[in-house]
Amino acid sequence: MTFLIAWIPFLEPMHFLQSAWLVLSIPLVIGISMVHKAIQTPEHKPWWPPVGIMSVQVMLGLAALAFVLDLFVLWVIPVL
């Protein structure tokens, strides 16, 4: 019955987007970096270089975390 009312993201996720989570996180990371650096950077300093650096750092951190969690789920948990 819930499918007739509305789509509820946490109860009925879009399964076709699960493989593209890293690509979909790029605009989110850039937006968060832009807002954070707009608040933190003084007005007389350039704004785009720190946004780019922060965006790359966060994306590399997300990819590394995904890799570590994947290794943990595929290799450590089955052994336990």
PDB file of N, CA and C in Angstrom:
ATOM      1  N   MET A   1       0.811  -1.209   0.000  1.00  0.00           N
ATOM      2  CA  MET A   1       0.000   0.000   0.000  1.00  0.00           C
ATOM      3  C   MET A   1       0.848   1.264   0.000  1.00  0.00           C
ATOM      4  N   THR A   2       2.058   1.191   0.583  1.00  0.00           N
ATOM      5  CA  THR A   2       2.879   2.401   0.646  1.00  0.00           C
ATOM      6  C   THR A   2       3.320   2.875  -0.733  1.00  0.00           C
ATOM      7  N   PHE A   3       3.426   1.964  -1.701  1.00  0.00           N
ATOM      8  CA  PHE A   3       3.848   2.403  -3.032  1.00  0.00           C
ATOM      9  C   PHE A   3       2.791   3.256  -3.709  1.00  0.00           C
ATOM     10  N   LEU A   4       1.564   3.206  -3.243  1.00  0.00           N
ATOM     11  CA  LEU A   4       0.521   4.047  -3.817  1.00  0.00           C
ATOM     12  C   LEU A   4       0.537   5.457  -3.253  1.00  0.00           C
ATOM     13  N   ILE A   5       1.062   5.611  -2.047  1.00  0.00           N
ATOM     14  CA  ILE A   5       1.051   6.923  -1.391  1.00  0.00           C
ATOM     15  C   ILE A   5       2.218   7.782  -1.864  1.00  0.00           C
ATOM     16  N   ALA A   6       3.440   7.278  -1.612  1.00  0.00           N
ATOM     17  CA  ALA A   6       4.628   8.037  -1.979  1.00  0.00           C
ATOM     18  C   ALA A   6       5.845   7.138  -1.903  1.00  0.00           C
ATOM     19  N   TRP A   7       6.958   7.632  -2.442  1.00  0.00           N
ATOM     20  CA  TRP A   7       8.212   6.911  -2.339  1.00  0.00           C
ATOM     21  C   TRP A   7       8.874   7.306  -1.034  1.00  0.00           C
ATOM     22  N   ILE A   8       9.243   6.338  -0.211  1.00  0.00           N
ATOM     23  CA  ILE A   8       9.885   6.581   1.072  1.00  0.00           C
ATOM     24  C   ILE A   8      11.331   6.099   0.948  1.00  0.00           C
ATOM     25  N   PRO A   9      12.300   7.018   0.915  1.00  0.00           N
ATOM     26  CA  PRO A   9      13.679   6.635   0.595  1.00  0.00           C
ATOM     27  C   PRO A   9      14.280   5.576   1.515  1.00  0.00           C
ATOM     28  N   PHE A  10      14.051   5.649   2.812  1.00  0.00           N
ATOM     29  CA  PHE A  10      14.706   4.711   3.719  1.00  0.00           C
ATOM     30  C   PHE A  10      14.006   3.355   3.764  1.00  0.00           C
ATOM     31  N   LEU A  11      12.756   3.301   3.417  1.00  0.00           N
ATOM     32  CA  LEU A  11      12.037   2.030   3.412  1.00  0.00           C
ATOM     33  C   LEU A  11      12.063   1.356   2.050  1.00  0.00           C
ATOM     34  N   GLU A  12      12.086   2.135   0.989  1.00  0.00           N
ATOM     35  CA  GLU A  12      12.083   1.608  -0.373  1.00  0.00           C
ATOM     36  C   GLU A  12      13.162   2.320  -1.197  1.00  0.00           C
ATOM     37  N   PRO A  13      14.443   1.942  -1.021  1.00  0.00           N
ATOM     38  CA  PRO A  13      15.505   2.649  -1.741  1.00  0.00           C
ATOM     39  C   PRO A  13      15.485   2.360  -3.231  1.00  0.00           C
ATOM     40  N   MET A  14      16.099   3.247  -4.008  1.00  0.00           N
ATOM     41  CA  MET A  14      16.239   3.051  -5.441  1.00  0.00           C
ATOM     42  C   MET A  14      17.430   2.131  -5.683  1.00  0.00           C
ATOM     43  N   HIS A  15      17.184   0.880  -5.975  1.00  0.00           N
ATOM     44  CA  HIS A  15      18.258  -0.085  -6.104  1.00  0.00           C
ATOM     45  C   HIS A  15      19.116   0.146  -7.335  1.00  0.00           C
ATOM     46  N   PHE A  16      18.594   0.767  -8.363  1.00  0.00           N
ATOM     47  CA  PHE A  16      19.383   0.973  -9.573  1.00  0.00           C
ATOM     48  C   PHE A  16      20.437   2.058  -9.394  1.00  0.00           C
ATOM     49  N   LEU A  17      20.364   2.864  -8.332  1.00  0.00           N
ATOM     50  CA  LEU A  17      21.362   3.898  -8.083  1.00  0.00           C
ATOM     51  C   LEU A  17      22.462   3.451  -7.124  1.00  0.00           C
ATOM     52  N   GLN A  18      22.375   2.256  -6.563  1.00  0.00           N
ATOM     53  CA  GLN A  18      23.355   1.825  -5.579  1.00  0.00           C
ATOM     54  C   GLN A  18      24.747   1.660  -6.170  1.00  0.00           C
ATOM     55  N   SER A  19      24.853   1.289  -7.409  1.00  0.00           N
ATOM     56  CA  SER A  19      26.174   1.103  -8.010  1.00  0.00           C
ATOM     57  C   SER A  19      26.827   2.440  -8.371  1.00  0.00           C
ATOM     58  N   ALA A  20      26.085   3.523  -8.379  1.00  0.00           N
ATOM     59  CA  ALA A  20      26.620   4.827  -8.772  1.00  0.00           C
ATOM     60  C   ALA A  20      26.746   5.784  -7.591  1.00  0.00           C
ATOM     61  N   TRP A  21      26.896   5.254  -6.375  1.00  0.00           N
ATOM     62  CA  TRP A  21      26.909   6.123  -5.201  1.00  0.00           C
ATOM     63  C   TRP A  21      28.112   7.054  -5.204  1.00  0.00           C
ATOM     64  N   LEU A  22      29.267   6.571  -5.690  1.00  0.00           N
ATOM     65  CA  LEU A  22      30.459   7.420  -5.681  1.00  0.00           C
ATOM     66  C   LEU A  22      30.325   8.571  -6.677  1.00  0.00           C
ATOM     67  N   VAL A  23      29.723   8.315  -7.822  1.00  0.00           N
ATOM     68  CA  VAL A  23      29.517   9.376  -8.820  1.00  0.00           C
ATOM     69  C   VAL A  23      28.492  10.387  -8.315  1.00  0.00           C
ATOM     70  N   LEU A  24      27.454   9.902  -7.641  1.00  0.00           N
ATOM     71  CA  LEU A  24      26.430  10.801  -7.126  1.00  0.00           C
ATOM     72  C   LEU A  24      26.908  11.619  -5.923  1.00  0.00           C
ATOM     73  N   SER A  25      27.970  11.157  -5.274  1.00  0.00           N
ATOM     74  CA  SER A  25      28.482  11.911  -4.130  1.00  0.00           C
ATOM     75  C   SER A  25      29.338  13.107  -4.551  1.00  0.00           C
ATOM     76  N   ILE A  26      29.770  13.149  -5.797  1.00  0.00           N
ATOM     77  CA  ILE A  26      30.631  14.250  -6.256  1.00  0.00           C
ATOM     78  C   ILE A  26      29.931  15.611  -6.149  1.00  0.00           C
ATOM     79  N   PRO A  27      28.702  15.791  -6.665  1.00  0.00           N
ATOM     80  CA  PRO A  27      28.057  17.104  -6.497  1.00  0.00           C
ATOM     81  C   PRO A  27      27.783  17.446  -5.029  1.00  0.00           C
ATOM     82  N   LEU A  28      27.488  16.440  -4.229  1.00  0.00           N
ATOM     83  CA  LEU A  28      27.250  16.679  -2.807  1.00  0.00           C
ATOM     84  C   LEU A  28      28.523  17.170  -2.129  1.00  0.00           C
ATOM     85  N   VAL A  29      29.638  16.532  -2.407  1.00  0.00           N
ATOM     86  CA  VAL A  29      30.910  16.925  -1.808  1.00  0.00           C
ATOM     87  C   VAL A  29      31.318  18.322  -2.269  1.00  0.00           C
ATOM     88  N   ILE A  30      31.153  18.621  -3.536  1.00  0.00           N
ATOM     89  CA  ILE A  30      31.501  19.955  -4.036  1.00  0.00           C
ATOM     90  C   ILE A  30      30.630  21.024  -3.383  1.00  0.00           C
ATOM     91  N   GLY A  31      29.346  20.758  -3.240  1.00  0.00           N
ATOM     92  CA  GLY A  31      28.453  21.720  -2.591  1.00  0.00           C
ATOM     93  C   GLY A  31      28.815  21.950  -1.141  1.00  0.00           C
ATOM     94  N   ILE A  32      29.110  20.883  -0.410  1.00  0.00           N
ATOM     95  CA  ILE A  32      29.504  21.027   0.991  1.00  0.00           C
ATOM     96  C   ILE A  32      30.818  21.778   1.097  1.00  0.00           C
ATOM     97  N   SER A  33      31.767  21.483   0.215  1.00  0.00           N
ATOM     98  CA  SER A  33      33.052  22.187   0.226  1.00  0.00           C
ATOM     99  C   SER A  33      32.875  23.666  -0.085  1.00  0.00           C
ATOM    100  N   MET A  34      32.007  23.987  -1.030  1.00  0.00           N
ATOM    101  CA  MET A  34      31.766  25.399  -1.378  1.00  0.00           C
ATOM    102  C   MET A  34      31.193  26.165  -0.197  1.00  0.00           C
ATOM    103  N   VAL A  35      30.217  25.578   0.474  1.00  0.00           N
ATOM    104  CA  VAL A  35      29.598  26.270   1.613  1.00  0.00           C
ATOM    105  C   VAL A  35      30.589  26.401   2.758  1.00  0.00           C
ATOM    106  N   HIS A  36      31.324  25.325   3.048  1.00  0.00           N
ATOM    107  CA  HIS A  36      32.284  25.371   4.153  1.00  0.00           C
ATOM    108  C   HIS A  36      33.379  26.406   3.904  1.00  0.00           C
ATOM    109  N   LYS A  37      33.936  26.413   2.708  1.00  0.00           N
ATOM    110  CA  LYS A  37      35.004  27.357   2.405  1.00  0.00           C
ATOM    111  C   LYS A  37      34.491  28.790   2.258  1.00  0.00           C
ATOM    112  N   ALA A  38      33.248  28.959   1.872  1.00  0.00           N
ATOM    113  CA  ALA A  38      32.683  30.313   1.809  1.00  0.00           C
ATOM    114  C   ALA A  38      32.559  30.912   3.202  1.00  0.00           C
ATOM    115  N   ILE A  39      32.294  30.055   4.176  1.00  0.00           N
ATOM    116  CA  ILE A  39      32.180  30.535   5.552  1.00  0.00           C
ATOM    117  C   ILE A  39      33.554  30.729   6.176  1.00  0.00           C
ATOM    118  N   GLN A  40      34.514  29.844   5.889  1.00  0.00           N
ATOM    119  CA  GLN A  40      35.805  29.848   6.561  1.00  0.00           C
ATOM    120  C   GLN A  40      36.865  30.739   5.913  1.00  0.00           C
ATOM    121  N   THR A  41      36.796  30.966   4.612  1.00  0.00           N
ATOM    122  CA  THR A  41      37.833  31.717   3.911  1.00  0.00           C
ATOM    123  C   THR A  41      37.563  33.210   4.004  1.00  0.00           C
ATOM    124  N   PRO A  42      38.587  33.994   4.366  1.00  0.00           N
ATOM    125  CA  PRO A  42      38.397  35.449   4.364  1.00  0.00           C
ATOM    126  C   PRO A  42      38.096  35.972   2.959  1.00  0.00           C
ATOM    127  N   GLU A  43      37.492  37.142   2.893  1.00  0.00           N
ATOM    128  CA  GLU A  43      37.036  37.671   1.607  1.00  0.00           C
ATOM    129  C   GLU A  43      38.171  38.035   0.658  1.00  0.00           C
ATOM    130  N   HIS A  44      39.335  38.363   1.165  1.00  0.00           N
ATOM    131  CA  HIS A  44      40.420  38.803   0.281  1.00  0.00           C
ATOM    132  C   HIS A  44      41.244  37.644  -0.280  1.00  0.00           C
ATOM    133  N   LYS A  45      40.931  36.407   0.091  1.00  0.00           N
ATOM    134  CA  LYS A  45      41.673  35.252  -0.414  1.00  0.00           C
ATOM    135  C   LYS A  45      40.897  34.575  -1.540  1.00  0.00           C
ATOM    136  N   PRO A  46      41.613  33.890  -2.456  1.00  0.00           N
ATOM    137  CA  PRO A  46      40.913  33.143  -3.509  1.00  0.00           C
ATOM    138  C   PRO A  46      40.075  32.012  -2.908  1.00  0.00           C
ATOM    139  N   TRP A  47      38.978  31.705  -3.575  1.00  0.00           N
ATOM    140  CA  TRP A  47      37.989  30.792  -3.010  1.00  0.00           C
ATOM    141  C   TRP A  47      37.997  29.428  -3.659  1.00  0.00           C
ATOM    142  N   TRP A  48      38.226  29.338  -4.977  1.00  0.00           N
ATOM    143  CA  TRP A  48      38.121  28.067  -5.682  1.00  0.00           C
ATOM    144  C   TRP A  48      39.231  27.075  -5.381  1.00  0.00           C
ATOM    145  N   PRO A  49      40.498  27.496  -5.230  1.00  0.00           N
ATOM    146  CA  PRO A  49      41.528  26.487  -4.932  1.00  0.00           C
ATOM    147  C   PRO A  49      41.257  25.696  -3.638  1.00  0.00           C
ATOM    148  N   PRO A  50      40.899  26.347  -2.521  1.00  0.00           N
ATOM    149  CA  PRO A  50      40.594  25.547  -1.328  1.00  0.00           C
ATOM    150  C   PRO A  50      39.362  24.643  -1.501  1.00  0.00           C
ATOM    151  N   VAL A  51      38.396  25.087  -2.300  1.00  0.00           N
ATOM    152  CA  VAL A  51      37.222  24.249  -2.563  1.00  0.00           C
ATOM    153  C   VAL A  51      37.633  22.996  -3.326  1.00  0.00           C
ATOM    154  N   GLY A  52      38.466  23.145  -4.328  1.00  0.00           N
ATOM    155  CA  GLY A  52      38.934  21.999  -5.093  1.00  0.00           C
ATOM    156  C   GLY A  52      39.758  21.037  -4.253  1.00  0.00           C
ATOM    157  N   ILE A  53      40.644  21.579  -3.424  1.00  0.00           N
ATOM    158  CA  ILE A  53      41.477  20.731  -2.569  1.00  0.00           C
ATOM    159  C   ILE A  53      40.616  19.961  -1.575  1.00  0.00           C
ATOM    160  N   MET A  54      39.678  20.645  -0.938  1.00  0.00           N
ATOM    161  CA  MET A  54      38.817  19.973   0.033  1.00  0.00           C
ATOM    162  C   MET A  54      37.938  18.918  -0.648  1.00  0.00           C
ATOM    163  N   SER A  55      37.434  19.218  -1.826  1.00  0.00           N
ATOM    164  CA  SER A  55      36.596  18.258  -2.542  1.00  0.00           C
ATOM    165  C   SER A  55      37.378  16.993  -2.883  1.00  0.00           C
ATOM    166  N   VAL A  56      38.600  17.156  -3.365  1.00  0.00           N
ATOM    167  CA  VAL A  56      39.428  15.996  -3.702  1.00  0.00           C
ATOM    168  C   VAL A  56      39.756  15.192  -2.450  1.00  0.00           C
ATOM    169  N   GLN A  57      40.076  15.874  -1.354  1.00  0.00           N
ATOM    170  CA  GLN A  57      40.393  15.168  -0.110  1.00  0.00           C
ATOM    171  C   GLN A  57      39.206  14.359   0.394  1.00  0.00           C
ATOM    172  N   VAL A  58      38.033  14.939   0.355  1.00  0.00           N
ATOM    173  CA  VAL A  58      36.855  14.228   0.839  1.00  0.00           C
ATOM    174  C   VAL A  58      36.523  13.048  -0.064  1.00  0.00           C
ATOM    175  N   MET A  59      36.625  13.225  -1.382  1.00  0.00           N
ATOM    176  CA  MET A  59      36.345  12.114  -2.296  1.00  0.00           C
ATOM    177  C   MET A  59      37.354  10.973  -2.127  1.00  0.00           C
ATOM    178  N   LEU A  60      38.626  11.304  -1.937  1.00  0.00           N
ATOM    179  CA  LEU A  60      39.622  10.263  -1.688  1.00  0.00           C
ATOM    180  C   LEU A  60      39.352   9.555  -0.360  1.00  0.00           C
ATOM    181  N   GLY A  61      38.920  10.306   0.640  1.00  0.00           N
ATOM    182  CA  GLY A  61      38.570   9.702   1.914  1.00  0.00           C
ATOM    183  C   GLY A  61      37.372   8.773   1.794  1.00  0.00           C
ATOM    184  N   LEU A  62      36.365   9.181   1.038  1.00  0.00           N
ATOM    185  CA  LEU A  62      35.200   8.313   0.822  1.00  0.00           C
ATOM    186  C   LEU A  62      35.578   7.043   0.072  1.00  0.00           C
ATOM    187  N   ALA A  63      36.404   7.179  -0.947  1.00  0.00           N
ATOM    188  CA  ALA A  63      36.824   6.005  -1.709  1.00  0.00           C
ATOM    189  C   ALA A  63      37.665   5.072  -0.840  1.00  0.00           C
ATOM    190  N   ALA A  64      38.555   5.621  -0.019  1.00  0.00           N
ATOM    191  CA  ALA A  64      39.380   4.789   0.864  1.00  0.00           C
ATOM    192  C   ALA A  64      38.513   4.087   1.910  1.00  0.00           C
ATOM    193  N   LEU A  65      37.558   4.798   2.456  1.00  0.00           N
ATOM    194  CA  LEU A  65      36.654   4.184   3.432  1.00  0.00           C
ATOM    195  C   LEU A  65      35.832   3.072   2.799  1.00  0.00           C
ATOM    196  N   ALA A  66      35.367   3.289   1.584  1.00  0.00           N
ATOM    197  CA  ALA A  66      34.606   2.251   0.882  1.00  0.00           C
ATOM    198  C   ALA A  66      35.480   1.030   0.624  1.00  0.00           C
ATOM    199  N   PHE A  67      36.738   1.245   0.251  1.00  0.00           N
ATOM    200  CA  PHE A  67      37.660   0.134   0.004  1.00  0.00           C
ATOM    201  C   PHE A  67      37.924  -0.657   1.285  1.00  0.00           C
ATOM    202  N   VAL A  68      38.171   0.038   2.378  1.00  0.00           N
ATOM    203  CA  VAL A  68      38.439  -0.638   3.654  1.00  0.00           C
ATOM    204  C   VAL A  68      37.212  -1.408   4.125  1.00  0.00           C
ATOM    205  N   LEU A  69      36.047  -0.810   4.030  1.00  0.00           N
ATOM    206  CA  LEU A  69      34.832  -1.511   4.444  1.00  0.00           C
ATOM    207  C   LEU A  69      34.538  -2.704   3.545  1.00  0.00           C
ATOM    208  N   ASP A  70      34.835  -2.583   2.261  1.00  0.00           N
ATOM    209  CA  ASP A  70      34.646  -3.703   1.349  1.00  0.00           C
ATOM    210  C   ASP A  70      35.573  -4.858   1.717  1.00  0.00           C
ATOM    211  N   LEU A  71      36.827  -4.555   1.982  1.00  0.00           N
ATOM    212  CA  LEU A  71      37.756  -5.596   2.419  1.00  0.00           C
ATOM    213  C   LEU A  71      37.306  -6.243   3.727  1.00  0.00           C
ATOM    214  N   PHE A  72      36.826  -5.426   4.636  1.00  0.00           N
ATOM    215  CA  PHE A  72      36.367  -5.945   5.925  1.00  0.00           C
ATOM    216  C   PHE A  72      35.177  -6.887   5.757  1.00  0.00           C
ATOM    217  N   VAL A  73      34.219  -6.482   4.937  1.00  0.00           N
ATOM    218  CA  VAL A  73      33.017  -7.299   4.753  1.00  0.00           C
ATOM    219  C   VAL A  73      33.324  -8.580   3.978  1.00  0.00           C
ATOM    220  N   LEU A  74      34.215  -8.498   2.984  1.00  0.00           N
ATOM    221  CA  LEU A  74      34.479  -9.666   2.147  1.00  0.00           C
ATOM    222  C   LEU A  74      35.521 -10.627   2.730  1.00  0.00           C
ATOM    223  N   TRP A  75      36.443 -10.128   3.567  1.00  0.00           N
ATOM    224  CA  TRP A  75      37.532 -10.990   4.030  1.00  0.00           C
ATOM    225  C   TRP A  75      37.545 -11.215   5.540  1.00  0.00           C
ATOM    226  N   VAL A  76      37.210 -10.227   6.331  1.00  0.00           N
ATOM    227  CA  VAL A  76      37.323 -10.385   7.790  1.00  0.00           C
ATOM    228  C   VAL A  76      36.075 -11.033   8.375  1.00  0.00           C
ATOM    229  N   ILE A  77      34.908 -10.540   8.020  1.00  0.00           N
ATOM    230  CA  ILE A  77      33.669 -11.068   8.596  1.00  0.00           C
ATOM    231  C   ILE A  77      33.445 -12.533   8.242  1.00  0.00           C
ATOM    232  N   PRO A  78      33.696 -12.995   7.008  1.00  0.00           N
ATOM    233  CA  PRO A  78      33.501 -14.441   6.744  1.00  0.00           C
ATOM    234  C   PRO A  78      34.409 -15.348   7.575  1.00  0.00           C
ATOM    235  N   VAL A  79      35.572 -14.872   7.953  1.00  0.00           N
ATOM    236  CA  VAL A  79      36.492 -15.681   8.758  1.00  0.00           C
ATOM    237  C   VAL A  79      35.962 -15.815  10.184  1.00  0.00           C
ATOM    238  N   LEU A  80      35.300 -14.787  10.665  1.00  0.00           N
ATOM    239  CA  LEU A  80      34.761 -14.846  12.030  1.00  0.00           C
ATOM    240  C   LEU A  80      33.610 -15.796  12.038  1.00  0.00           C
TER     241      LEU A  80
END
